Amino acid sequence: MANFSWLLLLGFLTFSLSYASAQELISDPVSYDVLVFEHFEKGKTYFIRKGGRIKYRLYNSPKTTYKGELQKVNRESMIVDGREIPLKDCSLIAGRVRSPKEFQGAILLGMGAGVIPLSAALLGVNSIAGPIVIVGGVVVLTVGIIRSMSARKFKMTKGWAAYGGQLQFDRSYQKQ
């Protein structure tokens, strides 16, 4: 009977602690201005966020490449370093894009950076397994670096369409 009362008391304390620590969920909508690139035939979509560094060429000066920071994005134009450029005048726009490939690269980068020192410390370099795991970690680290650096060129003459838009999502968190 004493064991049952202790179990009942332990269950009550566990329930009361979880009830006391319940927190209100706060909604935090976020929106980013983005430059959207779509290729309708291939079914691909990419984004460059406001604040990113871009390069672009205009149809009337195809040899000159302009560089700058994407400051503002409208439906049919973009503002780069204080200069408004209509998107229909651009023959090429290049910049760092956001895609799932970049996220996978960051995960691989972290895995490689963690595997190398841990395998060196735990396995050592004198055993057979140590150098093999370290080389594997270097390979994963290299692949992560390559995948996380995702800069692309979008040639408007090759079927890409560019327009301004907003990316909206709701990041919810618990009130502290």
C-alpha atoms as a PDB file:
ATOM      1  CA  MET A   1       0.000   0.000   0.000  1.00  0.00           C
ATOM      2  CA  ALA A   2       2.904   2.348   0.744  1.00  0.00           C
ATOM      3  CA  ASN A   3       4.341   1.804  -2.745  1.00  0.00           C
ATOM      4  CA  PHE A   4       0.983   2.669  -4.325  1.00  0.00           C
ATOM      5  CA  SER A   5       0.745   5.942  -2.371  1.00  0.00           C
ATOM      6  CA  TRP A   6       4.279   6.872  -3.453  1.00  0.00           C
ATOM      7  CA  LEU A   7       3.403   6.150  -7.074  1.00  0.00           C
ATOM      8  CA  LEU A   8       0.231   8.214  -6.753  1.00  0.00           C
ATOM      9  CA  LEU A   9       2.160  11.113  -5.197  1.00  0.00           C
ATOM     10  CA  LEU A  10       4.845  10.884  -7.887  1.00  0.00           C
ATOM     11  CA  GLY A  11       2.192  10.883 -10.626  1.00  0.00           C
ATOM     12  CA  PHE A  12       0.448  13.891  -9.081  1.00  0.00           C
ATOM     13  CA  LEU A  13       3.734  15.836  -8.863  1.00  0.00           C
ATOM     14  CA  THR A  14       4.630  15.002 -12.449  1.00  0.00           C
ATOM     15  CA  PHE A  15       1.208  16.153 -13.666  1.00  0.00           C
ATOM     16  CA  SER A  16       1.329  19.350 -11.609  1.00  0.00           C
ATOM     17  CA  LEU A  17       4.819  20.218 -12.865  1.00  0.00           C
ATOM     18  CA  SER A  18       3.802  19.723 -16.500  1.00  0.00           C
ATOM     19  CA  TYR A  19       0.647  21.788 -15.913  1.00  0.00           C
ATOM     20  CA  ALA A  20       2.625  24.568 -14.194  1.00  0.00           C
ATOM     21  CA  SER A  21       5.167  24.711 -16.998  1.00  0.00           C
ATOM     22  CA  ALA A  22       2.522  24.921 -19.764  1.00  0.00           C
ATOM     23  CA  GLN A  23       3.120  28.125 -21.662  1.00  0.00           C
ATOM     24  CA  GLU A  24       1.062  30.210 -24.004  1.00  0.00           C
ATOM     25  CA  LEU A  25       1.896  29.816 -27.695  1.00  0.00           C
ATOM     26  CA  ILE A  26       2.629  33.179 -29.359  1.00  0.00           C
ATOM     27  CA  SER A  27       2.061  33.706 -33.080  1.00  0.00           C
ATOM     28  CA  ASP A  28       4.772  35.723 -34.827  1.00  0.00           C
ATOM     29  CA  PRO A  29       4.069  36.231 -38.543  1.00  0.00           C
ATOM     30  CA  VAL A  30       7.142  37.141 -40.586  1.00  0.00           C
ATOM     31  CA  SER A  31       7.355  38.289 -44.181  1.00  0.00           C
ATOM     32  CA  TYR A  32      10.413  38.780 -46.378  1.00  0.00           C
ATOM     33  CA  ASP A  33      10.627  40.672 -49.633  1.00  0.00           C
ATOM     34  CA  VAL A  34      12.108  38.309 -52.199  1.00  0.00           C
ATOM     35  CA  LEU A  35      13.027  38.262 -55.833  1.00  0.00           C
ATOM     36  CA  VAL A  36      11.312  35.167 -57.270  1.00  0.00           C
ATOM     37  CA  PHE A  37      12.719  33.208 -60.219  1.00  0.00           C
ATOM     38  CA  GLU A  38      10.518  30.648 -61.935  1.00  0.00           C
ATOM     39  CA  HIS A  39      11.147  28.330 -64.818  1.00  0.00           C
ATOM     40  CA  PHE A  40       7.737  27.106 -65.897  1.00  0.00           C
ATOM     41  CA  GLU A  41       8.936  24.344 -68.233  1.00  0.00           C
ATOM     42  CA  LYS A  42      11.269  22.812 -65.621  1.00  0.00           C
ATOM     43  CA  GLY A  43       8.942  23.550 -62.696  1.00  0.00           C
ATOM     44  CA  LYS A  44      11.680  25.163 -60.593  1.00  0.00           C
ATOM     45  CA  THR A  45      11.418  28.152 -58.251  1.00  0.00           C
ATOM     46  CA  TYR A  46      14.195  29.994 -56.420  1.00  0.00           C
ATOM     47  CA  PHE A  47      14.335  33.069 -54.176  1.00  0.00           C
ATOM     48  CA  ILE A  48      16.850  35.816 -53.448  1.00  0.00           C
ATOM     49  CA  ARG A  49      16.032  37.695 -50.250  1.00  0.00           C
ATOM     50  CA  LYS A  50      16.155  41.444 -49.843  1.00  0.00           C
ATOM     51  CA  GLY A  51      19.562  42.417 -48.490  1.00  0.00           C
ATOM     52  CA  GLY A  52      21.454  39.871 -50.597  1.00  0.00           C
ATOM     53  CA  ARG A  53      24.300  40.694 -52.960  1.00  0.00           C
ATOM     54  CA  ILE A  54      23.369  40.303 -56.619  1.00  0.00           C
ATOM     55  CA  LYS A  55      24.873  40.760 -60.075  1.00  0.00           C
ATOM     56  CA  TYR A  56      22.818  41.696 -63.100  1.00  0.00           C
ATOM     57  CA  ARG A  57      23.131  42.562 -66.773  1.00  0.00           C
ATOM     58  CA  LEU A  58      20.823  44.715 -68.841  1.00  0.00           C
ATOM     59  CA  TYR A  59      19.672  44.020 -72.386  1.00  0.00           C
ATOM     60  CA  ASN A  60      20.957  47.406 -73.597  1.00  0.00           C
ATOM     61  CA  SER A  61      24.502  46.771 -72.214  1.00  0.00           C
ATOM     62  CA  PRO A  62      25.126  43.008 -72.375  1.00  0.00           C
ATOM     63  CA  LYS A  63      28.885  43.218 -71.714  1.00  0.00           C
ATOM     64  CA  THR A  64      28.618  45.168 -68.429  1.00  0.00           C
ATOM     65  CA  THR A  65      27.851  43.342 -65.198  1.00  0.00           C
ATOM     66  CA  TYR A  66      26.515  45.479 -62.359  1.00  0.00           C
ATOM     67  CA  LYS A  67      26.843  44.456 -58.705  1.00  0.00           C
ATOM     68  CA  GLY A  68      25.121  45.629 -55.586  1.00  0.00           C
ATOM     69  CA  GLU A  69      22.853  44.972 -52.637  1.00  0.00           C
ATOM     70  CA  LEU A  70      19.207  44.185 -53.276  1.00  0.00           C
ATOM     71  CA  GLN A  71      17.548  46.891 -51.186  1.00  0.00           C
ATOM     72  CA  LYS A  72      13.909  46.678 -52.212  1.00  0.00           C
ATOM     73  CA  VAL A  73      11.767  44.463 -54.403  1.00  0.00           C
ATOM     74  CA  ASN A  74       8.585  45.542 -56.152  1.00  0.00           C
ATOM     75  CA  ARG A  75       6.326  43.481 -58.404  1.00  0.00           C
ATOM     76  CA  GLU A  76       8.034  44.624 -61.624  1.00  0.00           C
ATOM     77  CA  SER A  77      11.273  46.264 -60.457  1.00  0.00           C
ATOM     78  CA  MET A  78      14.093  46.050 -57.942  1.00  0.00           C
ATOM     79  CA  ILE A  79      16.189  48.684 -56.228  1.00  0.00           C
ATOM     80  CA  VAL A  80      19.909  47.904 -56.128  1.00  0.00           C
ATOM     81  CA  ASP A  81      22.177  50.390 -54.336  1.00  0.00           C
ATOM     82  CA  GLY A  82      19.563  53.158 -54.673  1.00  0.00           C
ATOM     83  CA  ARG A  83      18.978  52.613 -58.400  1.00  0.00           C
ATOM     84  CA  GLU A  84      15.615  51.312 -59.619  1.00  0.00           C
ATOM     85  CA  ILE A  85      15.939  48.660 -62.298  1.00  0.00           C
ATOM     86  CA  PRO A  86      12.877  47.282 -64.130  1.00  0.00           C
ATOM     87  CA  LEU A  87      13.017  43.483 -64.168  1.00  0.00           C
ATOM     88  CA  LYS A  88      11.973  43.388 -67.840  1.00  0.00           C
ATOM     89  CA  ASP A  89      15.254  45.199 -68.716  1.00  0.00           C
ATOM     90  CA  CYS A  90      17.460  42.511 -67.090  1.00  0.00           C
ATOM     91  CA  SER A  91      18.943  39.801 -69.279  1.00  0.00           C
ATOM     92  CA  LEU A  92      20.730  38.048 -66.388  1.00  0.00           C
ATOM     93  CA  ILE A  93      20.431  38.138 -62.602  1.00  0.00           C
ATOM     94  CA  ALA A  94      22.770  36.161 -60.347  1.00  0.00           C
ATOM     95  CA  GLY A  95      22.915  35.796 -56.602  1.00  0.00           C
ATOM     96  CA  ARG A  96      22.834  33.477 -53.626  1.00  0.00           C
ATOM     97  CA  VAL A  97      19.574  31.579 -53.594  1.00  0.00           C
ATOM     98  CA  ARG A  98      17.640  29.881 -50.821  1.00  0.00           C
ATOM     99  CA  SER A  99      16.835  26.248 -51.445  1.00  0.00           C
ATOM    100  CA  PRO A 100      16.623  22.909 -49.613  1.00  0.00           C
ATOM    101  CA  LYS A 101      20.088  22.099 -50.996  1.00  0.00           C
ATOM    102  CA  GLU A 102      21.560  24.900 -48.880  1.00  0.00           C
ATOM    103  CA  PHE A 103      19.968  23.469 -45.724  1.00  0.00           C
ATOM    104  CA  GLN A 104      21.330  20.002 -46.498  1.00  0.00           C
ATOM    105  CA  GLY A 105      24.765  21.539 -46.975  1.00  0.00           C
ATOM    106  CA  ALA A 106      24.616  23.193 -43.566  1.00  0.00           C
ATOM    107  CA  ILE A 107      23.726  19.873 -41.934  1.00  0.00           C
ATOM    108  CA  LEU A 108      26.601  18.094 -43.702  1.00  0.00           C
ATOM    109  CA  LEU A 109      28.948  20.931 -42.747  1.00  0.00           C
ATOM    110  CA  GLY A 110      28.050  20.507 -39.077  1.00  0.00           C
ATOM    111  CA  MET A 111      28.372  16.730 -39.243  1.00  0.00           C
ATOM    112  CA  GLY A 112      31.807  16.912 -40.842  1.00  0.00           C
ATOM    113  CA  ALA A 113      33.023  19.543 -38.390  1.00  0.00           C
ATOM    114  CA  GLY A 114      31.864  17.360 -35.494  1.00  0.00           C
ATOM    115  CA  VAL A 115      33.136  14.001 -36.777  1.00  0.00           C
ATOM    116  CA  ILE A 116      36.734  15.078 -37.402  1.00  0.00           C
ATOM    117  CA  PRO A 117      37.730  16.170 -33.863  1.00  0.00           C
ATOM    118  CA  LEU A 118      35.632  13.483 -32.152  1.00  0.00           C
ATOM    119  CA  SER A 119      37.126  10.662 -34.203  1.00  0.00           C
ATOM    120  CA  ALA A 120      40.627  12.035 -33.664  1.00  0.00           C
ATOM    121  CA  ALA A 121      40.047  12.205 -29.908  1.00  0.00           C
ATOM    122  CA  LEU A 122      38.204   8.910 -29.458  1.00  0.00           C
ATOM    123  CA  LEU A 123      39.789   6.653 -32.058  1.00  0.00           C
ATOM    124  CA  GLY A 124      43.202   8.258 -32.346  1.00  0.00           C
ATOM    125  CA  VAL A 125      45.361   8.442 -35.428  1.00  0.00           C
ATOM    126  CA  ASN A 126      47.427   5.346 -34.576  1.00  0.00           C
ATOM    127  CA  SER A 127      44.607   2.873 -35.164  1.00  0.00           C
ATOM    128  CA  ILE A 128      43.273   1.859 -38.579  1.00  0.00           C
ATOM    129  CA  ALA A 129      39.763   3.241 -37.981  1.00  0.00           C
ATOM    130  CA  GLY A 130      40.900   6.716 -36.892  1.00  0.00           C
ATOM    131  CA  PRO A 131      42.331   7.975 -40.204  1.00  0.00           C
ATOM    132  CA  ILE A 132      39.494   6.369 -42.181  1.00  0.00           C
ATOM    133  CA  VAL A 133      36.845   8.153 -40.116  1.00  0.00           C
ATOM    134  CA  ILE A 134      38.808  11.432 -40.281  1.00  0.00           C
ATOM    135  CA  VAL A 135      39.032  11.201 -44.096  1.00  0.00           C
ATOM    136  CA  GLY A 136      35.289  10.482 -44.195  1.00  0.00           C
ATOM    137  CA  GLY A 137      34.680  13.558 -42.030  1.00  0.00           C
ATOM    138  CA  VAL A 138      36.784  15.699 -44.373  1.00  0.00           C
ATOM    139  CA  VAL A 139      34.773  14.422 -47.356  1.00  0.00           C
ATOM    140  CA  VAL A 140      31.460  15.204 -45.606  1.00  0.00           C
ATOM    141  CA  LEU A 141      32.785  18.651 -44.626  1.00  0.00           C
ATOM    142  CA  THR A 142      33.829  19.380 -48.231  1.00  0.00           C
ATOM    143  CA  VAL A 143      30.477  18.263 -49.654  1.00  0.00           C
ATOM    144  CA  GLY A 144      28.715  20.417 -47.045  1.00  0.00           C
ATOM    145  CA  ILE A 145      30.735  23.474 -48.027  1.00  0.00           C
ATOM    146  CA  ILE A 146      29.995  22.947 -51.716  1.00  0.00           C
ATOM    147  CA  ARG A 147      26.247  22.388 -51.167  1.00  0.00           C
ATOM    148  CA  SER A 148      25.828  25.345 -48.794  1.00  0.00           C
ATOM    149  CA  MET A 149      27.327  27.809 -51.271  1.00  0.00           C
ATOM    150  CA  SER A 150      24.444  28.007 -53.680  1.00  0.00           C
ATOM    151  CA  ALA A 151      24.866  30.924 -56.057  1.00  0.00           C
ATOM    152  CA  ARG A 152      22.986  30.709 -59.332  1.00  0.00           C
ATOM    153  CA  LYS A 153      22.696  32.615 -62.581  1.00  0.00           C
ATOM    154  CA  PHE A 154      19.265  33.175 -64.086  1.00  0.00           C
ATOM    155  CA  LYS A 155      19.305  34.010 -67.799  1.00  0.00           C
ATOM    156  CA  MET A 156      15.985  35.512 -68.829  1.00  0.00           C
ATOM    157  CA  THR A 157      16.592  34.384 -72.429  1.00  0.00           C
ATOM    158  CA  LYS A 158      16.717  30.739 -71.241  1.00  0.00           C
ATOM    159  CA  GLY A 159      13.144  30.608 -69.916  1.00  0.00           C
ATOM    160  CA  TRP A 160      13.491  32.152 -66.462  1.00  0.00           C
ATOM    161  CA  ALA A 161      10.905  34.674 -65.299  1.00  0.00           C
ATOM    162  CA  ALA A 162      11.667  37.115 -62.480  1.00  0.00           C
ATOM    163  CA  TYR A 163       9.235  39.092 -60.366  1.00  0.00           C
ATOM    164  CA  GLY A 164       9.055  40.563 -56.896  1.00  0.00           C
ATOM    165  CA  GLY A 165       7.061  38.967 -54.137  1.00  0.00           C
ATOM    166  CA  GLN A 166       6.811  38.266 -50.440  1.00  0.00           C
ATOM    167  CA  LEU A 167       7.581  35.094 -48.574  1.00  0.00           C
ATOM    168  CA  GLN A 168       5.339  34.815 -45.510  1.00  0.00           C
ATOM    169  CA  PHE A 169       5.378  32.295 -42.699  1.00  0.00           C
ATOM    170  CA  ASP A 170       4.368  32.107 -39.068  1.00  0.00           C
ATOM    171  CA  ARG A 171       7.078  31.290 -36.567  1.00  0.00           C
ATOM    172  CA  SER A 172       5.322  30.414 -33.355  1.00  0.00           C
ATOM    173  CA  TYR A 173       7.071  30.180 -30.041  1.00  0.00           C
ATOM    174  CA  GLN A 174       6.217  29.719 -26.394  1.00  0.00           C
ATOM    175  CA  LYS A 175       5.912  32.780 -24.188  1.00  0.00           C
ATOM    176  CA  GLN A 176       8.707  32.936 -21.643  1.00  0.00           C
END
